[in-house]
Amino acid sequence: MQDALPVIAGRFQKNSREVIRAELRTFKGVQLADFRVMALANGCEIATKSGFSIGIEQLPGLGELVTRALTEVRARGLFKGRRT
């Protein structure tokens, strides 16, 4: 897998000026999943200081955490008309 890195795994629009980008990459021999807020300027994405990186072996735990948060938001009816 290391030869195929870096690769952008996905992105979604945070607001009109920013996207959150997920990138798989290697740093000092460690395979990471990097989640970064990217500012949009003149059609380009510019990395900000906001974000975090975790080892790819920690991704299942992060996925479970996001799933639990989404379940809780839905159970409490917090979307209020937003697509879920």
PDB file of N, CA and C in Angstrom:
ATOM      1  N   MET A   1       0.819  -1.198   0.000  1.00  0.00           N
ATOM      2  CA  MET A   1       0.000   0.000   0.000  1.00  0.00           C
ATOM      3  C   MET A   1       0.857   1.254   0.000  1.00  0.00           C
ATOM      4  N   GLN A   2       2.018   1.202   0.601  1.00  0.00           N
ATOM      5  CA  GLN A   2       2.858   2.374   0.746  1.00  0.00           C
ATOM      6  C   GLN A   2       3.194   3.016  -0.592  1.00  0.00           C
ATOM      7  N   ASP A   3       3.389   2.229  -1.651  1.00  0.00           N
ATOM      8  CA  ASP A   3       3.720   2.780  -2.949  1.00  0.00           C
ATOM      9  C   ASP A   3       2.575   3.591  -3.541  1.00  0.00           C
ATOM     10  N   ALA A   4       1.344   3.297  -3.133  1.00  0.00           N
ATOM     11  CA  ALA A   4       0.167   3.972  -3.683  1.00  0.00           C
ATOM     12  C   ALA A   4      -0.152   5.270  -2.943  1.00  0.00           C
ATOM     13  N   LEU A   5       0.620   5.631  -1.924  1.00  0.00           N
ATOM     14  CA  LEU A   5       0.327   6.816  -1.126  1.00  0.00           C
ATOM     15  C   LEU A   5       1.159   8.005  -1.583  1.00  0.00           C
ATOM     16  N   PRO A   6       0.692   9.218  -1.453  1.00  0.00           N
ATOM     17  CA  PRO A   6      -0.571   9.632  -0.849  1.00  0.00           C
ATOM     18  C   PRO A   6      -1.741   9.507  -1.825  1.00  0.00           C
ATOM     19  N   VAL A   7      -2.930   9.398  -1.237  1.00  0.00           N
ATOM     20  CA  VAL A   7      -4.154   9.355  -2.026  1.00  0.00           C
ATOM     21  C   VAL A   7      -5.255  10.078  -1.246  1.00  0.00           C
ATOM     22  N   ILE A   8      -6.014  10.893  -1.946  1.00  0.00           N
ATOM     23  CA  ILE A   8      -7.150  11.568  -1.313  1.00  0.00           C
ATOM     24  C   ILE A   8      -8.311  10.588  -1.291  1.00  0.00           C
ATOM     25  N   ALA A   9      -8.747  10.234  -0.072  1.00  0.00           N
ATOM     26  CA  ALA A   9      -9.811   9.249   0.089  1.00  0.00           C
ATOM     27  C   ALA A   9     -11.191   9.872  -0.074  1.00  0.00           C
ATOM     28  N   GLY A  10     -11.293  11.159   0.194  1.00  0.00           N
ATOM     29  CA  GLY A  10     -12.577  11.831   0.047  1.00  0.00           C
ATOM     30  C   GLY A  10     -12.544  13.226   0.619  1.00  0.00           C
ATOM     31  N   ARG A  11     -13.631  13.948   0.362  1.00  0.00           N
ATOM     32  CA  ARG A  11     -13.765  15.307   0.891  1.00  0.00           C
ATOM     33  C   ARG A  11     -15.244  15.646   0.952  1.00  0.00           C
ATOM     34  N   PHE A  12     -15.582  16.575   1.839  1.00  0.00           N
ATOM     35  CA  PHE A  12     -16.945  17.102   1.850  1.00  0.00           C
ATOM     36  C   PHE A  12     -16.909  18.572   2.231  1.00  0.00           C
ATOM     37  N   GLN A  13     -17.915  19.281   1.771  1.00  0.00           N
ATOM     38  CA  GLN A  13     -18.011  20.717   1.972  1.00  0.00           C
ATOM     39  C   GLN A  13     -18.386  21.012   3.418  1.00  0.00           C
ATOM     40  N   LYS A  14     -17.527  21.724   4.132  1.00  0.00           N
ATOM     41  CA  LYS A  14     -17.810  22.127   5.508  1.00  0.00           C
ATOM     42  C   LYS A  14     -18.697  23.373   5.510  1.00  0.00           C
ATOM     43  N   ASN A  15     -18.347  24.334   4.687  1.00  0.00           N
ATOM     44  CA  ASN A  15     -19.120  25.558   4.505  1.00  0.00           C
ATOM     45  C   ASN A  15     -18.723  26.154   3.158  1.00  0.00           C
ATOM     46  N   SER A  16     -19.121  27.379   2.879  1.00  0.00           N
ATOM     47  CA  SER A  16     -18.850  27.953   1.550  1.00  0.00           C
ATOM     48  C   SER A  16     -17.372  28.241   1.307  1.00  0.00           C
ATOM     49  N   ARG A  17     -16.564  28.262   2.359  1.00  0.00           N
ATOM     50  CA  ARG A  17     -15.147  28.600   2.213  1.00  0.00           C
ATOM     51  C   ARG A  17     -14.177  27.467   2.541  1.00  0.00           C
ATOM     52  N   GLU A  18     -14.708  26.324   3.028  1.00  0.00           N
ATOM     53  CA  GLU A  18     -13.832  25.251   3.484  1.00  0.00           C
ATOM     54  C   GLU A  18     -14.375  23.874   3.135  1.00  0.00           C
ATOM     55  N   VAL A  19     -13.443  22.938   2.930  1.00  0.00           N
ATOM     56  CA  VAL A  19     -13.787  21.529   2.797  1.00  0.00           C
ATOM     57  C   VAL A  19     -12.975  20.756   3.830  1.00  0.00           C
ATOM     58  N   ILE A  20     -13.477  19.582   4.186  1.00  0.00           N
ATOM     59  CA  ILE A  20     -12.704  18.666   5.019  1.00  0.00           C
ATOM     60  C   ILE A  20     -12.239  17.546   4.111  1.00  0.00           C
ATOM     61  N   ARG A  21     -10.943  17.328   4.103  1.00  0.00           N
ATOM     62  CA  ARG A  21     -10.353  16.332   3.202  1.00  0.00           C
ATOM     63  C   ARG A  21      -9.732  15.196   4.007  1.00  0.00           C
ATOM     64  N   ALA A  22      -9.980  13.973   3.555  1.00  0.00           N
ATOM     65  CA  ALA A  22      -9.354  12.780   4.130  1.00  0.00           C
ATOM     66  C   ALA A  22      -8.289  12.303   3.151  1.00  0.00           C
ATOM     67  N   GLU A  23      -7.077  12.181   3.637  1.00  0.00           N
ATOM     68  CA  GLU A  23      -5.957  11.761   2.793  1.00  0.00           C
ATOM     69  C   GLU A  23      -5.199  10.638   3.487  1.00  0.00           C
ATOM     70  N   LEU A  24      -4.865   9.607   2.731  1.00  0.00           N
ATOM     71  CA  LEU A  24      -4.014   8.530   3.228  1.00  0.00           C
ATOM     72  C   LEU A  24      -2.602   8.837   2.781  1.00  0.00           C
ATOM     73  N   ARG A  25      -1.667   8.806   3.732  1.00  0.00           N
ATOM     74  CA  ARG A  25      -0.291   9.159   3.391  1.00  0.00           C
ATOM     75  C   ARG A  25       0.682   8.459   4.331  1.00  0.00           C
ATOM     76  N   THR A  26       1.942   8.585   4.027  1.00  0.00           N
ATOM     77  CA  THR A  26       2.998   8.027   4.866  1.00  0.00           C
ATOM     78  C   THR A  26       3.864   9.167   5.381  1.00  0.00           C
ATOM     79  N   PHE A  27       4.184   9.130   6.676  1.00  0.00           N
ATOM     80  CA  PHE A  27       5.078  10.117   7.272  1.00  0.00           C
ATOM     81  C   PHE A  27       6.071   9.380   8.143  1.00  0.00           C
ATOM     82  N   LYS A  28       7.339   9.526   7.825  1.00  0.00           N
ATOM     83  CA  LYS A  28       8.421   8.846   8.550  1.00  0.00           C
ATOM     84  C   LYS A  28       8.164   7.347   8.655  1.00  0.00           C
ATOM     85  N   GLY A  29       7.672   6.765   7.570  1.00  0.00           N
ATOM     86  CA  GLY A  29       7.447   5.331   7.493  1.00  0.00           C
ATOM     87  C   GLY A  29       6.156   4.838   8.120  1.00  0.00           C
ATOM     88  N   VAL A  30       5.352   5.745   8.666  1.00  0.00           N
ATOM     89  CA  VAL A  30       4.092   5.362   9.300  1.00  0.00           C
ATOM     90  C   VAL A  30       2.935   5.720   8.366  1.00  0.00           C
ATOM     91  N   GLN A  31       2.040   4.764   8.135  1.00  0.00           N
ATOM     92  CA  GLN A  31       0.869   5.012   7.285  1.00  0.00           C
ATOM     93  C   GLN A  31      -0.201   5.703   8.104  1.00  0.00           C
ATOM     94  N   LEU A  32      -0.666   6.850   7.605  1.00  0.00           N
ATOM     95  CA  LEU A  32      -1.597   7.698   8.335  1.00  0.00           C
ATOM     96  C   LEU A  32      -2.852   7.992   7.545  1.00  0.00           C
ATOM     97  N   ALA A  33      -3.911   8.278   8.283  1.00  0.00           N
ATOM     98  CA  ALA A  33      -5.116   8.886   7.723  1.00  0.00           C
ATOM     99  C   ALA A  33      -5.122  10.306   8.256  1.00  0.00           C
ATOM    100  N   ASP A  34      -5.093  11.271   7.354  1.00  0.00           N
ATOM    101  CA  ASP A  34      -5.016  12.678   7.722  1.00  0.00           C
ATOM    102  C   ASP A  34      -6.344  13.345   7.387  1.00  0.00           C
ATOM    103  N   PHE A  35      -6.956  13.972   8.373  1.00  0.00           N
ATOM    104  CA  PHE A  35      -8.217  14.688   8.191  1.00  0.00           C
ATOM    105  C   PHE A  35      -7.919  16.156   8.395  1.00  0.00           C
ATOM    106  N   ARG A  36      -8.069  16.946   7.345  1.00  0.00           N
ATOM    107  CA  ARG A  36      -7.619  18.332   7.373  1.00  0.00           C
ATOM    108  C   ARG A  36      -8.693  19.261   6.837  1.00  0.00           C
ATOM    109  N   VAL A  37      -8.851  20.413   7.489  1.00  0.00           N
ATOM    110  CA  VAL A  37      -9.704  21.469   6.956  1.00  0.00           C
ATOM    111  C   VAL A  37      -8.884  22.201   5.897  1.00  0.00           C
ATOM    112  N   MET A  38      -9.467  22.305   4.717  1.00  0.00           N
ATOM    113  CA  MET A  38      -8.806  22.982   3.602  1.00  0.00           C
ATOM    114  C   MET A  38      -9.585  24.248   3.261  1.00  0.00           C
ATOM    115  N   ALA A  39      -8.895  25.369   3.186  1.00  0.00           N
ATOM    116  CA  ALA A  39      -9.527  26.618   2.785  1.00  0.00           C
ATOM    117  C   ALA A  39      -9.604  26.646   1.261  1.00  0.00           C
ATOM    118  N   LEU A  40     -10.689  27.181   0.742  1.00  0.00           N
ATOM    119  CA  LEU A  40     -10.858  27.309  -0.706  1.00  0.00           C
ATOM    120  C   LEU A  40     -10.501  28.731  -1.116  1.00  0.00           C
ATOM    121  N   ALA A  41      -9.558  28.845  -2.042  1.00  0.00           N
ATOM    122  CA  ALA A  41      -9.139  30.156  -2.528  1.00  0.00           C
ATOM    123  C   ALA A  41      -8.809  30.046  -4.004  1.00  0.00           C
ATOM    124  N   ASN A  42      -9.518  30.814  -4.808  1.00  0.00           N
ATOM    125  CA  ASN A  42      -9.294  30.819  -6.261  1.00  0.00           C
ATOM    126  C   ASN A  42      -9.346  29.422  -6.867  1.00  0.00           C
ATOM    127  N   GLY A  43     -10.280  28.610  -6.391  1.00  0.00           N
ATOM    128  CA  GLY A  43     -10.455  27.272  -6.925  1.00  0.00           C
ATOM    129  C   GLY A  43      -9.450  26.253  -6.427  1.00  0.00           C
ATOM    130  N   CYS A  44      -8.588  26.641  -5.493  1.00  0.00           N
ATOM    131  CA  CYS A  44      -7.573  25.730  -4.957  1.00  0.00           C
ATOM    132  C   CYS A  44      -7.852  25.436  -3.487  1.00  0.00           C
ATOM    133  N   GLU A  45      -7.426  24.265  -3.051  1.00  0.00           N
ATOM    134  CA  GLU A  45      -7.518  23.898  -1.638  1.00  0.00           C
ATOM    135  C   GLU A  45      -6.189  24.195  -0.966  1.00  0.00           C
ATOM    136  N   ILE A  46      -6.236  24.946   0.136  1.00  0.00           N
ATOM    137  CA  ILE A  46      -5.039  25.301   0.880  1.00  0.00           C
ATOM    138  C   ILE A  46      -5.172  24.724   2.281  1.00  0.00           C
ATOM    139  N   ALA A  47      -4.195  23.919   2.683  1.00  0.00           N
ATOM    140  CA  ALA A  47      -4.241  23.278   3.999  1.00  0.00           C
ATOM    141  C   ALA A  47      -4.210  24.318   5.109  1.00  0.00           C
ATOM    142  N   THR A  48      -5.041  24.092   6.134  1.00  0.00           N
ATOM    143  CA  THR A  48      -5.004  24.929   7.330  1.00  0.00           C
ATOM    144  C   THR A  48      -4.350  24.124   8.448  1.00  0.00           C
ATOM    145  N   LYS A  49      -4.200  24.734   9.597  1.00  0.00           N
ATOM    146  CA  LYS A  49      -3.644  24.026  10.750  1.00  0.00           C
ATOM    147  C   LYS A  49      -4.672  23.115  11.408  1.00  0.00           C
ATOM    148  N   SER A  50      -5.948  23.299  11.049  1.00  0.00           N
ATOM    149  CA  SER A  50      -7.016  22.523  11.674  1.00  0.00           C
ATOM    150  C   SER A  50      -7.092  21.124  11.084  1.00  0.00           C
ATOM    151  N   GLY A  51      -7.067  20.134  11.957  1.00  0.00           N
ATOM    152  CA  GLY A  51      -7.177  18.757  11.514  1.00  0.00           C
ATOM    153  C   GLY A  51      -6.376  17.843  12.414  1.00  0.00           C
ATOM    154  N   PHE A  52      -6.334  16.569  12.028  1.00  0.00           N
ATOM    155  CA  PHE A  52      -5.570  15.596  12.805  1.00  0.00           C
ATOM    156  C   PHE A  52      -5.192  14.417  11.924  1.00  0.00           C
ATOM    157  N   SER A  53      -4.189  13.685  12.373  1.00  0.00           N
ATOM    158  CA  SER A  53      -3.748  12.469  11.705  1.00  0.00           C
ATOM    159  C   SER A  53      -3.775  11.334  12.711  1.00  0.00           C
ATOM    160  N   ILE A  54      -4.150  10.144  12.226  1.00  0.00           N
ATOM    161  CA  ILE A  54      -4.107   8.941  13.061  1.00  0.00           C
ATOM    162  C   ILE A  54      -3.508   7.816  12.229  1.00  0.00           C
ATOM    163  N   GLY A  55      -2.950   6.836  12.901  1.00  0.00           N
ATOM    164  CA  GLY A  55      -2.467   5.651  12.204  1.00  0.00           C
ATOM    165  C   GLY A  55      -3.636   4.928  11.554  1.00  0.00           C
ATOM    166  N   ILE A  56      -3.410   4.351  10.378  1.00  0.00           N
ATOM    167  CA  ILE A  56      -4.523   3.717   9.663  1.00  0.00           C
ATOM    168  C   ILE A  56      -5.143   2.580  10.468  1.00  0.00           C
ATOM    169  N   GLU A  57      -4.387   1.971  11.384  1.00  0.00           N
ATOM    170  CA  GLU A  57      -4.950   0.902  12.206  1.00  0.00           C
ATOM    171  C   GLU A  57      -5.992   1.435  13.196  1.00  0.00           C
ATOM    172  N   GLN A  58      -6.038   2.752  13.411  1.00  0.00           N
ATOM    173  CA  GLN A  58      -7.014   3.359  14.308  1.00  0.00           C
ATOM    174  C   GLN A  58      -8.307   3.761  13.589  1.00  0.00           C
ATOM    175  N   LEU A  59      -8.353   3.655  12.266  1.00  0.00           N
ATOM    176  CA  LEU A  59      -9.536   4.057  11.507  1.00  0.00           C
ATOM    177  C   LEU A  59     -10.822   3.346  11.927  1.00  0.00           C
ATOM    178  N   PRO A  60     -10.810   2.038  12.198  1.00  0.00           N
ATOM    179  CA  PRO A  60     -12.060   1.401  12.628  1.00  0.00           C
ATOM    180  C   PRO A  60     -12.632   2.046  13.894  1.00  0.00           C
ATOM    181  N   GLY A  61     -11.791   2.404  14.836  1.00  0.00           N
ATOM    182  CA  GLY A  61     -12.260   3.056  16.057  1.00  0.00           C
ATOM    183  C   GLY A  61     -12.864   4.423  15.775  1.00  0.00           C
ATOM    184  N   LEU A  62     -12.244   5.181  14.875  1.00  0.00           N
ATOM    185  CA  LEU A  62     -12.791   6.480  14.496  1.00  0.00           C
ATOM    186  C   LEU A  62     -14.127   6.312  13.788  1.00  0.00           C
ATOM    187  N   GLY A  63     -14.218   5.322  12.911  1.00  0.00           N
ATOM    188  CA  GLY A  63     -15.474   5.050  12.212  1.00  0.00           C
ATOM    189  C   GLY A  63     -16.584   4.699  13.187  1.00  0.00           C
ATOM    190  N   GLU A  64     -16.272   3.893  14.196  1.00  0.00           N
ATOM    191  CA  GLU A  64     -17.267   3.528  15.220  1.00  0.00           C
ATOM    192  C   GLU A  64     -17.703   4.760  16.011  1.00  0.00           C
ATOM    193  N   LEU A  65     -16.765   5.629  16.334  1.00  0.00           N
ATOM    194  CA  LEU A  65     -17.086   6.849  17.069  1.00  0.00           C
ATOM    195  C   LEU A  65     -18.024   7.749  16.263  1.00  0.00           C
ATOM    196  N   VAL A  66     -17.725   7.934  14.979  1.00  0.00           N
ATOM    197  CA  VAL A  66     -18.583   8.752  14.119  1.00  0.00           C
ATOM    198  C   VAL A  66     -19.967   8.122  13.990  1.00  0.00           C
ATOM    199  N   THR A  67     -20.017   6.805  13.852  1.00  0.00           N
ATOM    200  CA  THR A  67     -21.302   6.111  13.759  1.00  0.00           C
ATOM    201  C   THR A  67     -22.116   6.301  15.029  1.00  0.00           C
ATOM    202  N   ARG A  68     -21.479   6.200  16.195  1.00  0.00           N
ATOM    203  CA  ARG A  68     -22.192   6.407  17.459  1.00  0.00           C
ATOM    204  C   ARG A  68     -22.716   7.835  17.570  1.00  0.00           C
ATOM    205  N   ALA A  69     -21.902   8.807  17.157  1.00  0.00           N
ATOM    206  CA  ALA A  69     -22.339  10.206  17.198  1.00  0.00           C
ATOM    207  C   ALA A  69     -23.528  10.423  16.274  1.00  0.00           C
ATOM    208  N   LEU A  70     -23.473   9.866  15.065  1.00  0.00           N
ATOM    209  CA  LEU A  70     -24.574   9.998  14.112  1.00  0.00           C
ATOM    210  C   LEU A  70     -25.846   9.347  14.651  1.00  0.00           C
ATOM    211  N   THR A  71     -25.714   8.180  15.263  1.00  0.00           N
ATOM    212  CA  THR A  71     -26.859   7.494  15.864  1.00  0.00           C
ATOM    213  C   THR A  71     -27.484   8.357  16.956  1.00  0.00           C
ATOM    214  N   GLU A  72     -26.671   8.961  17.778  1.00  0.00           N
ATOM    215  CA  GLU A  72     -27.162   9.812  18.865  1.00  0.00           C
ATOM    216  C   GLU A  72     -27.863  11.060  18.324  1.00  0.00           C
ATOM    217  N   VAL A  73     -27.301  11.674  17.312  1.00  0.00           N
ATOM    218  CA  VAL A  73     -27.921  12.858  16.694  1.00  0.00           C
ATOM    219  C   VAL A  73     -29.287  12.499  16.120  1.00  0.00           C
ATOM    220  N   ARG A  74     -29.350  11.374  15.425  1.00  0.00           N
ATOM    221  CA  ARG A  74     -30.638  10.936  14.862  1.00  0.00           C
ATOM    222  C   ARG A  74     -31.646  10.619  15.965  1.00  0.00           C
ATOM    223  N   ALA A  75     -31.213   9.937  17.011  1.00  0.00           N
ATOM    224  CA  ALA A  75     -32.107   9.560  18.100  1.00  0.00           C
ATOM    225  C   ALA A  75     -32.674  10.792  18.802  1.00  0.00           C
ATOM    226  N   ARG A  76     -31.922  11.857  18.853  1.00  0.00           N
ATOM    227  CA  ARG A  76     -32.369  13.083  19.519  1.00  0.00           C
ATOM    228  C   ARG A  76     -33.090  14.035  18.569  1.00  0.00           C
ATOM    229  N   GLY A  77     -33.189  13.649  17.272  1.00  0.00           N
ATOM    230  CA  GLY A  77     -33.890  14.488  16.300  1.00  0.00           C
ATOM    231  C   GLY A  77     -33.195  15.808  16.037  1.00  0.00           C
ATOM    232  N   LEU A  78     -31.885  15.811  16.082  1.00  0.00           N
ATOM    233  CA  LEU A  78     -31.133  17.068  15.948  1.00  0.00           C
ATOM    234  C   LEU A  78     -30.936  17.543  14.522  1.00  0.00           C
ATOM    235  N   PHE A  79     -31.252  16.716  13.526  1.00  0.00           N
ATOM    236  CA  PHE A  79     -31.056  17.150  12.142  1.00  0.00           C
ATOM    237  C   PHE A  79     -32.089  18.191  11.716  1.00  0.00           C
ATOM    238  N   LYS A  80     -33.279  18.129  12.233  1.00  0.00           N
ATOM    239  CA  LYS A  80     -34.335  19.116  11.990  1.00  0.00           C
ATOM    240  C   LYS A  80     -34.457  19.549  10.542  1.00  0.00           C
ATOM    241  N   GLY A  81     -34.865  18.608   9.714  1.00  0.00           N
ATOM    242  CA  GLY A  81     -35.125  18.933   8.304  1.00  0.00           C
ATOM    243  C   GLY A  81     -33.940  18.776   7.391  1.00  0.00           C
ATOM    244  N   ARG A  82     -32.751  18.546   7.935  1.00  0.00           N
ATOM    245  CA  ARG A  82     -31.587  18.319   7.093  1.00  0.00           C
ATOM    246  C   ARG A  82     -31.593  16.894   6.591  1.00  0.00           C
ATOM    247  N   ARG A  83     -30.987  16.683   5.408  1.00  0.00           N
ATOM    248  CA  ARG A  83     -30.853  15.327   4.896  1.00  0.00           C
ATOM    249  C   ARG A  83     -29.949  14.527   5.791  1.00  0.00           C
ATOM    250  N   THR A  84     -30.307  13.279   6.060  1.00  0.00           N
ATOM    251  CA  THR A  84     -29.471  12.453   6.933  1.00  0.00           C
ATOM    252  C   THR A  84     -28.965  11.248   6.197  1.00  0.00           C
TER     253      THR A  84
END
